[in-house]
Amino acid sequence: MNICSIGRQFSSAEVGIFQLDAPRTLLDFDIVIFDLALIPGSIEFRVASRRRTEILDLLKLGRTILVFLADF
């Protein structure tokens, strides 16, 4: 199972770190974890637009997206 995290680093080797401006697509992952508290607010529109489309595609494929809205 491929798991990536955006904004937060986990101690588990199973969860890879993903940068929003990376050339790789989110569709390569089964589970995507977003920590919105740790993602910089100055994301380029081009990057945000691409990722939005990928997130919608992930949901259509029935994959899991986990979003943290505040620090835990």
N, C-alpha and C. Protein backbone atom coordinates (compact mmCIF):
# COMPACT_ATOMS: atom_id res chain seq x y z
N MET A 1 0.84 -1.17 0.00
CA MET A 1 0.00 0.00 0.00
C MET A 1 0.89 1.24 0.00
N ASN A 2 0.64 2.16 -0.90
CA ASN A 2 1.40 3.40 -1.01
C ASN A 2 0.70 4.52 -0.25
N ILE A 3 1.42 5.10 0.71
CA ILE A 3 0.87 6.17 1.54
C ILE A 3 1.82 7.36 1.48
N CYS A 4 1.25 8.55 1.28
CA CYS A 4 2.09 9.75 1.32
C CYS A 4 1.47 10.77 2.27
N SER A 5 2.33 11.62 2.78
CA SER A 5 1.91 12.68 3.70
C SER A 5 2.38 14.01 3.15
N ILE A 6 1.48 14.98 3.21
CA ILE A 6 1.80 16.34 2.77
C ILE A 6 1.66 17.24 3.98
N GLY A 7 2.78 17.82 4.40
CA GLY A 7 2.75 18.76 5.52
C GLY A 7 3.21 18.19 6.84
N ARG A 8 3.19 16.89 7.03
CA ARG A 8 3.58 16.29 8.30
C ARG A 8 4.47 15.08 8.05
N GLN A 9 5.47 14.93 8.89
CA GLN A 9 6.36 13.78 8.80
C GLN A 9 5.97 12.77 9.86
N PHE A 10 5.84 11.52 9.45
CA PHE A 10 5.51 10.43 10.37
C PHE A 10 6.75 9.58 10.60
N SER A 11 6.82 8.94 11.75
CA SER A 11 7.99 8.11 12.07
C SER A 11 7.99 6.79 11.33
N SER A 12 6.87 6.40 10.77
CA SER A 12 6.77 5.15 10.05
C SER A 12 7.41 5.27 8.67
N ALA A 13 8.19 4.28 8.30
CA ALA A 13 8.82 4.25 6.98
C ALA A 13 7.79 3.99 5.88
N GLU A 14 6.61 3.53 6.26
CA GLU A 14 5.56 3.25 5.27
C GLU A 14 4.91 4.51 4.73
N VAL A 15 5.08 5.63 5.42
CA VAL A 15 4.47 6.89 5.01
C VAL A 15 5.55 7.79 4.42
N GLY A 16 5.47 8.03 3.13
CA GLY A 16 6.45 8.87 2.47
C GLY A 16 6.05 10.33 2.49
N ILE A 17 7.05 11.20 2.47
CA ILE A 17 6.81 12.64 2.43
C ILE A 17 6.59 13.05 0.97
N PHE A 18 5.61 13.91 0.75
CA PHE A 18 5.30 14.36 -0.60
C PHE A 18 5.27 15.87 -0.63
N GLN A 19 5.98 16.46 -1.57
CA GLN A 19 5.97 17.91 -1.75
C GLN A 19 4.93 18.27 -2.80
N LEU A 20 4.15 19.30 -2.56
CA LEU A 20 3.09 19.67 -3.48
C LEU A 20 3.61 20.06 -4.87
N ASP A 21 4.84 20.55 -4.94
CA ASP A 21 5.38 20.93 -6.24
C ASP A 21 6.18 19.81 -6.90
N ALA A 22 6.09 18.60 -6.36
CA ALA A 22 6.79 17.45 -6.94
C ALA A 22 6.17 17.07 -8.29
N PRO A 23 6.97 16.55 -9.21
CA PRO A 23 6.43 16.16 -10.51
C PRO A 23 5.55 14.90 -10.44
N ARG A 24 5.70 14.13 -9.39
CA ARG A 24 4.92 12.90 -9.23
C ARG A 24 3.45 13.23 -8.96
N THR A 25 2.55 12.38 -9.39
CA THR A 25 1.12 12.61 -9.19
C THR A 25 0.63 11.94 -7.91
N LEU A 26 -0.40 12.53 -7.31
CA LEU A 26 -1.01 11.93 -6.13
C LEU A 26 -1.72 10.63 -6.47
N LEU A 27 -2.03 10.42 -7.74
CA LEU A 27 -2.72 9.21 -8.17
C LEU A 27 -1.85 7.96 -8.03
N ASP A 28 -0.57 8.15 -7.73
CA ASP A 28 0.34 7.01 -7.48
C ASP A 28 0.11 6.41 -6.10
N PHE A 29 -0.70 7.05 -5.26
CA PHE A 29 -0.85 6.63 -3.88
C PHE A 29 -2.25 6.10 -3.59
N ASP A 30 -2.33 5.17 -2.63
CA ASP A 30 -3.60 4.62 -2.19
C ASP A 30 -4.23 5.49 -1.10
N ILE A 31 -3.36 6.09 -0.27
CA ILE A 31 -3.81 6.96 0.82
C ILE A 31 -2.97 8.23 0.78
N VAL A 32 -3.65 9.38 0.88
CA VAL A 32 -2.96 10.66 0.93
C VAL A 32 -3.37 11.36 2.22
N ILE A 33 -2.38 11.79 3.00
CA ILE A 33 -2.61 12.48 4.27
C ILE A 33 -2.21 13.94 4.09
N PHE A 34 -3.13 14.85 4.36
CA PHE A 34 -2.86 16.28 4.33
C PHE A 34 -2.90 16.82 5.74
N ASP A 35 -1.90 17.61 6.11
CA ASP A 35 -1.96 18.35 7.36
C ASP A 35 -2.00 19.82 6.98
N LEU A 36 -3.19 20.38 6.90
CA LEU A 36 -3.36 21.75 6.42
C LEU A 36 -2.72 22.78 7.34
N ALA A 37 -2.52 22.43 8.62
CA ALA A 37 -1.88 23.35 9.54
C ALA A 37 -0.40 23.55 9.21
N LEU A 38 0.20 22.60 8.53
CA LEU A 38 1.63 22.67 8.24
C LEU A 38 1.95 22.93 6.77
N ILE A 39 0.94 23.09 5.93
CA ILE A 39 1.17 23.39 4.51
C ILE A 39 1.23 24.90 4.36
N PRO A 40 2.29 25.41 3.71
CA PRO A 40 2.40 26.86 3.55
C PRO A 40 1.22 27.44 2.77
N GLY A 41 0.79 28.62 3.15
CA GLY A 41 -0.35 29.26 2.49
C GLY A 41 -0.01 29.87 1.15
N SER A 42 1.25 29.92 0.79
CA SER A 42 1.66 30.57 -0.45
C SER A 42 1.90 29.55 -1.57
N ILE A 43 0.96 28.63 -1.76
CA ILE A 43 1.08 27.64 -2.82
C ILE A 43 0.68 28.30 -4.13
N GLU A 44 1.49 28.10 -5.17
CA GLU A 44 1.18 28.67 -6.47
C GLU A 44 -0.16 28.15 -6.97
N PHE A 45 -0.89 29.00 -7.69
CA PHE A 45 -2.19 28.62 -8.23
C PHE A 45 -2.06 27.41 -9.15
N ARG A 46 -1.01 27.37 -9.98
CA ARG A 46 -0.80 26.26 -10.92
C ARG A 46 -0.69 24.94 -10.18
N VAL A 47 0.07 24.93 -9.10
CA VAL A 47 0.26 23.72 -8.30
C VAL A 47 -1.05 23.34 -7.61
N ALA A 48 -1.71 24.31 -7.01
CA ALA A 48 -2.96 24.04 -6.30
C ALA A 48 -4.03 23.52 -7.25
N SER A 49 -4.11 24.08 -8.44
CA SER A 49 -5.10 23.65 -9.42
C SER A 49 -4.86 22.21 -9.86
N ARG A 50 -3.60 21.87 -10.11
CA ARG A 50 -3.26 20.49 -10.50
C ARG A 50 -3.61 19.51 -9.40
N ARG A 51 -3.26 19.85 -8.17
CA ARG A 51 -3.52 18.94 -7.05
C ARG A 51 -5.01 18.81 -6.78
N ARG A 52 -5.77 19.88 -6.97
CA ARG A 52 -7.22 19.82 -6.78
C ARG A 52 -7.82 18.79 -7.73
N THR A 53 -7.40 18.83 -8.98
CA THR A 53 -7.89 17.87 -9.97
C THR A 53 -7.51 16.45 -9.57
N GLU A 54 -6.29 16.26 -9.09
CA GLU A 54 -5.84 14.93 -8.66
C GLU A 54 -6.64 14.44 -7.45
N ILE A 55 -6.95 15.35 -6.52
CA ILE A 55 -7.74 14.97 -5.34
C ILE A 55 -9.14 14.52 -5.75
N LEU A 56 -9.75 15.24 -6.67
CA LEU A 56 -11.07 14.84 -7.16
C LEU A 56 -11.01 13.47 -7.84
N ASP A 57 -9.94 13.24 -8.61
CA ASP A 57 -9.76 11.94 -9.26
C ASP A 57 -9.55 10.82 -8.23
N LEU A 58 -8.80 11.11 -7.17
CA LEU A 58 -8.60 10.12 -6.09
C LEU A 58 -9.94 9.72 -5.48
N LEU A 59 -10.78 10.71 -5.22
CA LEU A 59 -12.09 10.43 -4.63
C LEU A 59 -12.96 9.61 -5.58
N LYS A 60 -12.91 9.92 -6.86
CA LYS A 60 -13.67 9.15 -7.85
C LYS A 60 -13.21 7.70 -7.90
N LEU A 61 -11.91 7.49 -7.66
CA LEU A 61 -11.36 6.13 -7.67
C LEU A 61 -11.61 5.39 -6.36
N GLY A 62 -12.18 6.08 -5.37
CA GLY A 62 -12.49 5.45 -4.09
C GLY A 62 -11.29 5.32 -3.16
N ARG A 63 -10.26 6.11 -3.40
CA ARG A 63 -9.09 6.07 -2.53
C ARG A 63 -9.31 6.93 -1.30
N THR A 64 -8.42 6.80 -0.33
CA THR A 64 -8.58 7.46 0.97
C THR A 64 -7.78 8.75 1.03
N ILE A 65 -8.44 9.81 1.50
CA ILE A 65 -7.78 11.08 1.76
C ILE A 65 -8.08 11.45 3.20
N LEU A 66 -7.03 11.66 3.98
CA LEU A 66 -7.16 12.02 5.38
C LEU A 66 -6.66 13.45 5.55
N VAL A 67 -7.47 14.31 6.15
CA VAL A 67 -7.11 15.72 6.29
C VAL A 67 -7.12 16.11 7.76
N PHE A 68 -6.00 16.66 8.22
CA PHE A 68 -5.92 17.25 9.56
C PHE A 68 -6.07 18.75 9.41
N LEU A 69 -7.00 19.34 10.15
CA LEU A 69 -7.26 20.77 10.05
C LEU A 69 -6.51 21.58 11.09
N ALA A 70 -6.06 20.92 12.15
CA ALA A 70 -5.33 21.61 13.21
C ALA A 70 -4.20 20.71 13.70
N ASP A 71 -3.25 21.30 14.38
CA ASP A 71 -2.12 20.53 14.91
C ASP A 71 -2.61 19.54 15.95
N PHE A 72 -2.02 18.35 15.98
CA PHE A 72 -2.40 17.36 16.97
C PHE A 72 -1.21 16.94 17.79
